[in-house]
Amino acid sequence: MGYAITQAKPSDDQEELNSLINRNFQKSGSQWFNWSQRQNPFGENLCWLARDESAGKLIGSTGLLPRRMNYDGQPFAVGQAEAINIDEAHRSAQVALKLQRALISHLPETDFHFVYGMTETAAAVFKRCRYKQIGTFQHWVKPLCSEYKLKDKISNRFVSKGAAALVDLALHLYSLESRTFKSHRLKVNYDAPIDDRFHRLFKEHAHNLIMVERTREFLEWRFFHEPTTRFQIMTLENREQDLLGYLVYVIGETGRNGDHAAGIQDLFYRDQKSFQQLLAAFIQHCRQLRMETIVINYFGRKEIANMLSRFGFFQRKSSTQVFVHDNPQFKDFQLEALHDSNCWHLTNAERL
């Protein structure tokens, strides 16, 4: 069976591409397509389409999403490799490799200094296309209450509740939140708007990090305009209303075991002290909302992993791997930190 690969803009084959996305990614209607493919604040997406040569039907696609990063005060353009989308009847290394090789071969015609991608299922394809693996996302979970776990193991409801109360007390005392006290000079806002302070926080404190610029436009597009999820934003501010840190989160996610979870989708902060205050306030907020767990996916700095561990988060297995591919056009672009996972900062903000 033969497949033809063509390059296009999402708007060129909108109806077919939207149908492909809807049937394979469980999206419905055109809102998600328009948001993800046509409203990117960093520029127009590129896409590659795979067609069954015998029938001419669109059976697969991948894309290159423009992003802007900033390292050591210098901005530069990069591309994010979109998830490879192939109809089940045609899923094979042949189609995926053709799509990804077409994307890579186009790199010299772009101003992207490199491409990065995140995948759970296509690691072998990325490696065969000479991407370099940087590391694996971490999936962290913090239990806030234990009754939903214990009730399946202890049949007596009263005994289960009593045991859960003791376990929950131990979890709370063990967590750093019990030893973190918010200064009266600080304010926590659970209904914060996105404004220019977010970009200032990024510019002042992201010098040695490889991360997508947190501009006002990007954050509003990602978290206010996304059509399928209701995100909330929590900020930590001082008396002068300077932004010390923020969390973007979703309340009511379903955890892996069906637990009622709060999901941290994005975060950034000025310093470790601000991060500690921010995380303590968020955990207390989730306890008041009677959440059972807090979950976060993160790739990057060890200091974040260490802080999560101190707050009683533990790691679960994750299969999302991170890859990069240099653009041969920029041979003078030397960024040693690119292959050091400790210099990255990726959250669910990048995982569309």
Protein backbone atom coordinates (compact mmCIF):
# COMPACT_ATOMS: atom_id res chain seq x y z
CA MET A 1 0.00 0.00 0.00
CA GLY A 2 1.44 3.38 -1.02
CA TYR A 3 1.14 6.75 0.71
CA ALA A 4 1.65 10.25 -0.66
CA ILE A 5 2.91 13.01 1.67
CA THR A 6 2.16 16.66 0.94
CA GLN A 7 2.85 19.87 2.84
CA ALA A 8 -0.04 22.24 3.51
CA LYS A 9 -1.46 24.90 5.76
CA PRO A 10 -4.23 23.76 8.12
CA SER A 11 -6.70 26.02 6.32
CA ASP A 12 -5.98 24.38 2.95
CA ASP A 13 -7.62 21.06 3.88
CA GLN A 14 -9.63 22.22 6.88
CA GLU A 15 -12.65 19.94 6.49
CA GLU A 16 -10.66 16.74 5.97
CA LEU A 17 -8.07 17.56 8.62
CA ASN A 18 -10.73 18.49 11.16
CA SER A 19 -12.48 15.17 10.50
CA LEU A 20 -9.18 13.28 10.99
CA ILE A 21 -8.57 15.05 14.33
CA ASN A 22 -12.13 14.46 15.53
CA ARG A 23 -12.17 10.74 14.86
CA ASN A 24 -8.71 9.97 16.28
CA PHE A 25 -8.40 12.46 19.15
CA GLN A 26 -12.04 12.39 20.29
CA LYS A 27 -12.61 16.05 19.50
CA SER A 28 -15.94 17.29 18.20
CA GLY A 29 -16.93 20.17 15.96
CA SER A 30 -14.55 22.81 14.60
CA GLN A 31 -13.79 24.88 17.71
CA TRP A 32 -10.79 22.85 18.85
CA PHE A 33 -9.43 22.76 15.28
CA ASN A 34 -9.70 26.52 14.88
CA TRP A 35 -8.09 27.13 18.26
CA SER A 36 -5.18 24.70 17.92
CA GLN A 37 -4.47 25.03 14.19
CA ARG A 38 -5.40 28.58 13.20
CA GLN A 39 -5.05 30.83 16.25
CA ASN A 40 -1.45 30.13 17.34
CA PRO A 41 -0.15 33.46 18.77
CA PHE A 42 3.40 32.71 17.55
CA GLY A 43 2.46 32.28 13.89
CA GLU A 44 0.76 30.02 11.40
CA ASN A 45 1.12 26.25 11.84
CA LEU A 46 2.53 24.00 9.15
CA CYS A 47 1.19 20.52 8.50
CA TRP A 48 2.00 17.43 6.48
CA LEU A 49 -0.75 15.19 5.17
CA ALA A 50 -0.60 11.48 4.32
CA ARG A 51 -3.03 10.10 1.74
CA ASP A 52 -3.73 6.57 0.68
CA GLU A 53 -2.57 6.68 -2.95
CA SER A 54 -5.15 4.16 -4.11
CA ALA A 55 -8.16 5.97 -2.65
CA GLY A 56 -6.84 9.50 -2.27
CA LYS A 57 -8.26 9.62 1.26
CA LEU A 58 -6.54 11.58 4.04
CA ILE A 59 -5.39 8.98 6.58
CA GLY A 60 -2.70 10.79 8.59
CA SER A 61 -1.08 14.09 9.49
CA THR A 62 1.49 15.80 11.66
CA GLY A 63 2.33 19.44 12.20
CA LEU A 64 4.96 21.96 13.16
CA LEU A 65 3.79 24.58 15.65
CA PRO A 66 5.74 27.86 15.85
CA ARG A 67 6.94 28.79 19.32
CA ARG A 68 9.27 31.44 20.72
CA MET A 69 11.75 30.63 23.44
CA ASN A 70 14.23 32.78 25.30
CA TYR A 71 17.57 31.74 26.79
CA ASP A 72 19.98 34.07 28.60
CA GLY A 73 17.90 37.03 27.50
CA GLN A 74 18.03 36.14 23.79
CA PRO A 75 14.76 35.22 22.02
CA PHE A 76 14.74 32.66 19.22
CA ALA A 77 12.16 30.81 17.16
CA VAL A 78 11.61 27.06 17.57
CA GLY A 79 9.09 24.54 16.31
CA GLN A 80 7.06 22.07 18.34
CA ALA A 81 6.44 18.79 16.56
CA GLU A 82 2.73 18.01 16.78
CA ALA A 83 1.46 14.54 17.67
CA ILE A 84 1.42 12.13 14.73
CA ASN A 85 -2.21 11.46 13.85
CA ILE A 86 -2.91 8.32 11.76
CA ASP A 87 -6.12 6.35 11.23
CA GLU A 88 -6.04 3.01 13.02
CA ALA A 89 -6.22 0.92 9.84
CA HIS A 90 -3.05 2.60 8.51
CA ARG A 91 -0.95 2.84 11.68
CA SER A 92 2.50 1.64 10.78
CA ALA A 93 6.07 2.85 10.99
CA GLN A 94 5.96 3.50 7.24
CA VAL A 95 3.37 6.31 7.42
CA ALA A 96 4.73 7.84 10.63
CA LEU A 97 8.30 7.88 9.31
CA LYS A 98 7.26 9.47 6.03
CA LEU A 99 5.40 12.22 7.84
CA GLN A 100 8.20 12.94 10.32
CA ARG A 101 10.94 12.84 7.66
CA ALA A 102 8.99 15.34 5.56
CA LEU A 103 8.81 17.64 8.57
CA ILE A 104 12.54 17.37 9.29
CA SER A 105 13.51 17.88 5.65
CA HIS A 106 11.59 21.20 5.70
CA LEU A 107 13.54 22.57 8.68
CA PRO A 108 16.23 24.40 6.66
CA GLU A 109 13.49 26.46 5.04
CA THR A 110 12.31 27.80 8.41
CA ASP A 111 13.75 30.17 11.00
CA PHE A 112 13.37 27.54 13.75
CA HIS A 113 16.66 26.98 15.57
CA PHE A 114 15.48 23.51 16.57
CA VAL A 115 12.39 21.36 16.88
CA TYR A 116 11.25 19.71 20.10
CA GLY A 117 8.60 17.06 20.49
CA MET A 118 6.86 15.08 23.22
CA THR A 119 5.49 11.60 22.61
CA GLU A 120 4.20 8.55 24.44
CA THR A 121 3.95 6.20 21.46
CA ALA A 122 6.28 7.43 18.69
CA ALA A 123 9.69 7.36 20.41
CA ALA A 124 11.04 4.82 17.89
CA VAL A 125 9.96 7.07 14.99
CA PHE A 126 11.66 10.12 16.53
CA LYS A 127 14.88 8.17 17.07
CA ARG A 128 14.92 6.88 13.48
CA CYS A 129 14.52 10.48 12.32
CA ARG A 130 17.64 11.38 14.34
CA TYR A 131 15.98 13.31 17.11
CA LYS A 132 17.99 13.29 20.33
CA GLN A 133 16.20 12.14 23.45
CA ILE A 134 16.51 14.60 26.35
CA GLY A 135 14.51 12.79 29.01
CA THR A 136 11.07 11.75 30.23
CA PHE A 137 8.24 13.79 31.74
CA GLN A 138 7.63 13.22 35.44
CA HIS A 139 4.12 12.48 36.68
CA TRP A 140 3.68 13.56 40.32
CA VAL A 141 0.76 12.78 42.63
CA LYS A 142 -0.02 14.09 46.10
CA PRO A 143 -2.73 12.27 48.09
CA LEU A 144 -4.82 14.64 50.21
CA CYS A 145 -7.10 12.04 51.76
CA SER A 146 -6.97 8.29 52.06
CA GLU A 147 -10.58 7.24 52.66
CA TYR A 148 -11.27 6.57 48.97
CA LYS A 149 -8.36 4.10 49.01
CA LEU A 150 -9.05 2.48 52.37
CA LYS A 151 -12.77 1.89 51.84
CA ASP A 152 -11.93 -0.73 49.21
CA LYS A 153 -9.71 -2.59 51.68
CA ILE A 154 -11.64 -2.15 54.96
CA SER A 155 -15.27 -3.24 54.78
CA ASN A 156 -16.39 -1.64 58.07
CA ARG A 157 -17.21 2.00 57.26
CA PHE A 158 -16.46 3.32 60.76
CA VAL A 159 -13.12 1.55 60.95
CA SER A 160 -12.27 2.81 57.48
CA LYS A 161 -13.07 6.40 58.44
CA GLY A 162 -11.03 6.18 61.64
CA ALA A 163 -8.03 4.73 59.86
CA ALA A 164 -8.32 7.35 57.13
CA ALA A 165 -8.32 10.17 59.70
CA LEU A 166 -5.04 8.91 61.18
CA VAL A 167 -3.43 8.44 57.76
CA ASP A 168 -4.57 11.90 56.61
CA LEU A 169 -3.12 13.50 59.75
CA ALA A 170 0.20 11.78 59.13
CA LEU A 171 0.21 12.90 55.49
CA HIS A 172 -0.47 16.49 56.52
CA LEU A 173 2.23 16.55 59.22
CA TYR A 174 4.77 14.98 56.86
CA SER A 175 4.12 17.53 54.13
CA LEU A 176 6.06 20.80 54.05
CA GLU A 177 2.77 22.71 54.00
CA SER A 178 2.38 22.16 57.76
CA ARG A 179 5.62 24.11 58.28
CA THR A 180 4.99 26.85 55.73
CA PHE A 181 3.39 30.05 57.00
CA LYS A 182 2.25 32.76 54.64
CA SER A 183 3.59 36.19 55.41
CA HIS A 184 1.00 38.93 56.02
CA ARG A 185 2.89 40.87 53.34
CA LEU A 186 1.76 38.40 50.69
CA LYS A 187 -1.58 37.99 48.97
CA VAL A 188 -2.99 34.90 47.25
CA ASN A 189 -5.51 35.52 44.47
CA TYR A 190 -7.62 32.55 43.35
CA ASP A 191 -9.35 34.42 40.54
CA ALA A 192 -6.49 36.26 38.91
CA PRO A 193 -6.63 37.77 35.42
CA ILE A 194 -3.75 37.29 32.98
CA ASP A 195 -1.95 40.60 32.49
CA ASP A 196 1.46 41.97 31.54
CA ARG A 197 2.95 41.01 34.94
CA PHE A 198 3.15 37.38 33.74
CA HIS A 199 5.50 38.30 30.89
CA ARG A 200 7.60 40.50 33.21
CA LEU A 201 7.96 37.59 35.64
CA PHE A 202 9.13 35.41 32.75
CA LYS A 203 11.62 37.97 31.41
CA GLU A 204 13.15 38.62 34.82
CA HIS A 205 13.45 35.03 36.05
CA ALA A 206 13.77 32.70 33.05
CA HIS A 207 17.30 33.60 31.90
CA ASN A 208 18.80 30.11 32.27
CA LEU A 209 15.72 28.13 31.29
CA ILE A 210 14.66 26.67 27.95
CA MET A 211 10.94 27.36 27.88
CA VAL A 212 8.24 28.88 25.73
CA GLU A 213 7.84 32.60 26.40
CA ARG A 214 4.99 33.21 28.83
CA THR A 215 3.59 36.21 27.03
CA ARG A 216 0.14 37.50 27.84
CA GLU A 217 -1.02 36.45 24.36
CA PHE A 218 0.27 32.88 24.72
CA LEU A 219 -1.23 32.36 28.18
CA GLU A 220 -4.60 33.81 27.19
CA TRP A 221 -4.69 31.64 24.04
CA ARG A 222 -3.62 28.50 25.88
CA PHE A 223 -5.81 28.78 28.98
CA PHE A 224 -8.65 31.22 28.29
CA HIS A 225 -9.43 30.43 24.64
CA GLU A 226 -9.03 26.65 24.70
CA PRO A 227 -12.60 25.48 24.05
CA THR A 228 -12.84 22.19 25.97
CA THR A 229 -11.44 22.89 29.46
CA ARG A 230 -12.10 25.45 32.19
CA PHE A 231 -8.79 26.58 33.67
CA GLN A 232 -8.31 28.64 36.81
CA ILE A 233 -5.34 30.80 37.79
CA MET A 234 -3.89 31.39 41.23
CA THR A 235 -1.28 34.08 41.86
CA LEU A 236 1.06 35.01 44.70
CA GLU A 237 1.59 38.77 45.00
CA ASN A 238 3.28 41.19 47.39
CA ARG A 239 1.80 44.39 48.79
CA GLU A 240 2.85 46.30 45.67
CA GLN A 241 0.95 43.72 43.57
CA ASP A 242 4.16 42.45 42.00
CA LEU A 243 3.69 38.92 40.70
CA LEU A 244 5.85 36.44 42.65
CA GLY A 245 4.44 33.29 41.07
CA TYR A 246 1.39 31.65 39.54
CA LEU A 247 -0.32 28.29 39.07
CA VAL A 248 -2.78 27.36 36.33
CA TYR A 249 -4.97 24.47 37.40
CA VAL A 250 -8.07 22.42 36.68
CA ILE A 251 -10.42 21.35 39.45
CA GLY A 252 -12.21 18.04 39.10
CA GLU A 253 -9.83 16.05 36.96
CA THR A 254 -10.24 12.30 37.19
CA GLY A 255 -7.07 10.66 38.44
CA ARG A 256 -5.74 7.32 37.24
CA ASN A 257 -7.81 5.43 39.82
CA GLY A 258 -10.95 7.51 39.44
CA ASP A 259 -10.08 9.87 42.30
CA HIS A 260 -11.26 13.48 42.35
CA ALA A 261 -8.09 15.39 41.46
CA ALA A 262 -6.82 18.93 41.03
CA GLY A 263 -4.45 19.14 38.06
CA ILE A 264 -1.65 21.71 37.91
CA GLN A 265 -1.30 22.66 34.23
CA ASP A 266 1.37 25.37 34.36
CA LEU A 267 3.47 27.20 36.93
CA PHE A 268 6.25 29.73 37.22
CA TYR A 269 7.74 31.67 40.11
CA ARG A 270 10.37 34.19 41.13
CA ASP A 271 12.39 32.09 43.59
CA GLN A 272 12.24 28.96 45.74
CA LYS A 273 10.65 30.80 48.68
CA SER A 274 7.84 32.06 46.45
CA PHE A 275 7.33 28.56 45.02
CA GLN A 276 7.05 27.10 48.51
CA GLN A 277 4.48 29.71 49.55
CA LEU A 278 2.55 29.23 46.32
CA LEU A 279 2.42 25.44 46.59
CA ALA A 280 1.44 25.51 50.27
CA ALA A 281 -1.45 27.88 49.55
CA PHE A 282 -2.64 25.76 46.63
CA ILE A 283 -2.61 22.54 48.67
CA GLN A 284 -4.62 24.20 51.43
CA HIS A 285 -7.07 25.47 48.81
CA CYS A 286 -7.48 21.93 47.44
CA ARG A 287 -8.10 20.55 50.94
CA GLN A 288 -10.87 23.09 51.43
CA LEU A 289 -12.39 21.95 48.13
CA ARG A 290 -12.19 18.33 49.37
CA MET A 291 -9.98 17.18 46.53
CA GLU A 292 -8.58 13.68 46.96
CA THR A 293 -5.34 14.16 45.05
CA ILE A 294 -3.23 16.76 43.24
CA VAL A 295 -1.47 15.78 40.02
CA ILE A 296 1.17 17.51 37.90
CA ASN A 297 3.17 16.59 34.80
CA TYR A 298 6.54 18.28 34.56
CA PHE A 299 9.82 18.09 32.67
CA GLY A 300 12.82 20.10 33.73
CA ARG A 301 14.45 21.50 36.83
CA LYS A 302 15.47 19.27 39.70
CA GLU A 303 14.55 22.01 42.16
CA ILE A 304 10.88 21.58 41.25
CA ALA A 305 11.08 17.81 41.70
CA ASN A 306 12.79 18.29 45.08
CA MET A 307 10.13 20.76 46.25
CA LEU A 308 7.29 18.49 45.15
CA SER A 309 8.88 15.62 47.06
CA ARG A 310 9.17 17.76 50.20
CA PHE A 311 5.45 18.52 49.94
CA GLY A 312 4.57 14.81 49.90
CA PHE A 313 4.19 14.30 46.15
CA PHE A 314 5.41 10.98 44.81
CA GLN A 315 6.29 9.93 41.29
CA ARG A 316 4.28 7.57 39.15
CA LYS A 317 5.57 6.05 35.94
CA SER A 318 5.35 8.28 32.88
CA SER A 319 6.01 7.33 29.27
CA THR A 320 6.03 10.81 27.69
CA GLN A 321 9.52 11.35 26.28
CA VAL A 322 11.06 14.63 25.13
CA PHE A 323 13.15 14.89 21.94
CA VAL A 324 14.97 17.67 20.07
CA HIS A 325 16.27 17.96 16.52
CA ASP A 326 18.71 20.69 15.45
CA ASN A 327 18.13 22.77 12.34
CA PRO A 328 21.22 22.34 10.09
CA GLN A 329 20.69 25.90 8.84
CA PHE A 330 21.86 27.26 12.22
CA LYS A 331 25.24 25.55 12.58
CA ASP A 332 26.54 28.45 14.70
CA PHE A 333 23.68 28.09 17.18
CA GLN A 334 25.47 26.56 20.17
CA LEU A 335 23.30 25.92 23.20
CA GLU A 336 24.88 23.28 25.43
CA ALA A 337 21.94 23.52 27.84
CA LEU A 338 19.65 22.17 25.10
CA HIS A 339 20.59 18.58 25.97
CA ASP A 340 20.46 19.08 29.75
CA SER A 341 17.00 18.27 31.12
CA ASN A 342 17.76 20.37 34.23
CA CYS A 343 17.70 23.50 32.03
CA TRP A 344 14.22 22.89 30.62
CA HIS A 345 10.81 23.97 31.87
CA LEU A 346 7.92 22.13 30.20
CA THR A 347 4.42 21.70 31.64
CA ASN A 348 1.00 20.75 30.33
CA ALA A 349 0.95 24.20 28.71
CA GLU A 350 2.98 22.64 25.89
CA ARG A 351 0.96 19.41 25.72
CA LEU A 352 -2.03 20.19 23.52
